Structures are given as structure tokens and as C-alpha cells.
Amino acid sequence: MQESEFLVTTAQVAIGLAGFSGVAGVLGERRGSARPEVQGALLRNMIETSLLAAGFSLLPIALFDIGMNTQLLWRWSAAANLVAFVAQFALTLRRGTRIIRSGAPRPRVWGGLVFALAVGIVFCLGLSATGIDSAALFIIALSLQLVLSGGSFARFFAFLTS
């Protein structure tokens, strides 16, 4: 499968982001925070997003190795990623809403960017799951998930240094 190099690299980057987020989380704990619930939610979101990207980067390779039809493996990988991403995004929105209701400031610019990325990810995964240029759309969705994960890391780091 020619896409395997990109998928493995995507998984490595996602795992690296998750690892850096763990280190940043420990440093943030040592420093203390005026809003520990915000820090915890940002850290959790960043780790979840990174691990989803890593796991779903490796899923097509595993399905290929067990002999699944190439077209079918992209569709199944996209459908599974879509379900997992929507569930994780719903949990993130729930946590964010709870924190905003507790009096934390609303992240207007970041919220808009996250929503736009989420729409792009869902759109690409939805089309890929239906079989429309499955591999390319799946890879675009994974790339957007990495952007979201990297943005979450930047947002978390900005929160820690503010």
C-alpha cells in the first residue's frame, strides 16, 4: 500500500504531540493554575485528539495486512474514524460548555477555528466512508486532525504561559 509511509509518519507525529502534551501537563501541574478545570479539559482534549489521529493512521495498515480489499479498508477506516471523532468532539463540546458556564472566558477565535476544522474532518470522513476517493479524503481528514491536535497543543501551551 503506497500510503503506508504517510500513515506511519502521521501516527508518529500524533504520538509525539500526545507525549509533548503529557510533559506540558506535568509542567502545568507543577506551576499551578487559576483554572485547573480549564487546564484539565485542554490537556484531555489534546491527548484524545492526538491518540485518535495516531490510532486511525494505523488502522488502514492493519486492515491491509490482514488482507482486506483496499477500497473497503479505506471506507471502513473512514467510517470508524468518523464515529470516534464525532463522539470525541461531542465530549469536548460538553466539557467546554460546562467550563464556560462556570465563568471561564469563551474562546471565540479558537472556537471558530476548531468548528471549521471539525466540519472539514467530518465532511472528508463522510465522503471517504461512502467510497468517493476514499484514500485521499481519509488522508486529508487525518491531516486536519493533526492540525487540530497541534492547535490544541498551542492553545494549551498558551494557557499555561498566560
Foldseek 3Di string as FASTA:
>chain_A
DVCLVVLQVLLVLLVVLLVVLVVVLVVLVVVDAPCVLVLVLLSVLLNLLSVLLNVLSCQLVVCVVVPDDNLQSLLVSLVVSLVSLVVSVVVSVVSLVVVVVVPDDDPVVLVVVLVVLSVLLNVLSVCLNVRDVRPVSNSVSSVSSSVNSVVSSVVSVVNSVD
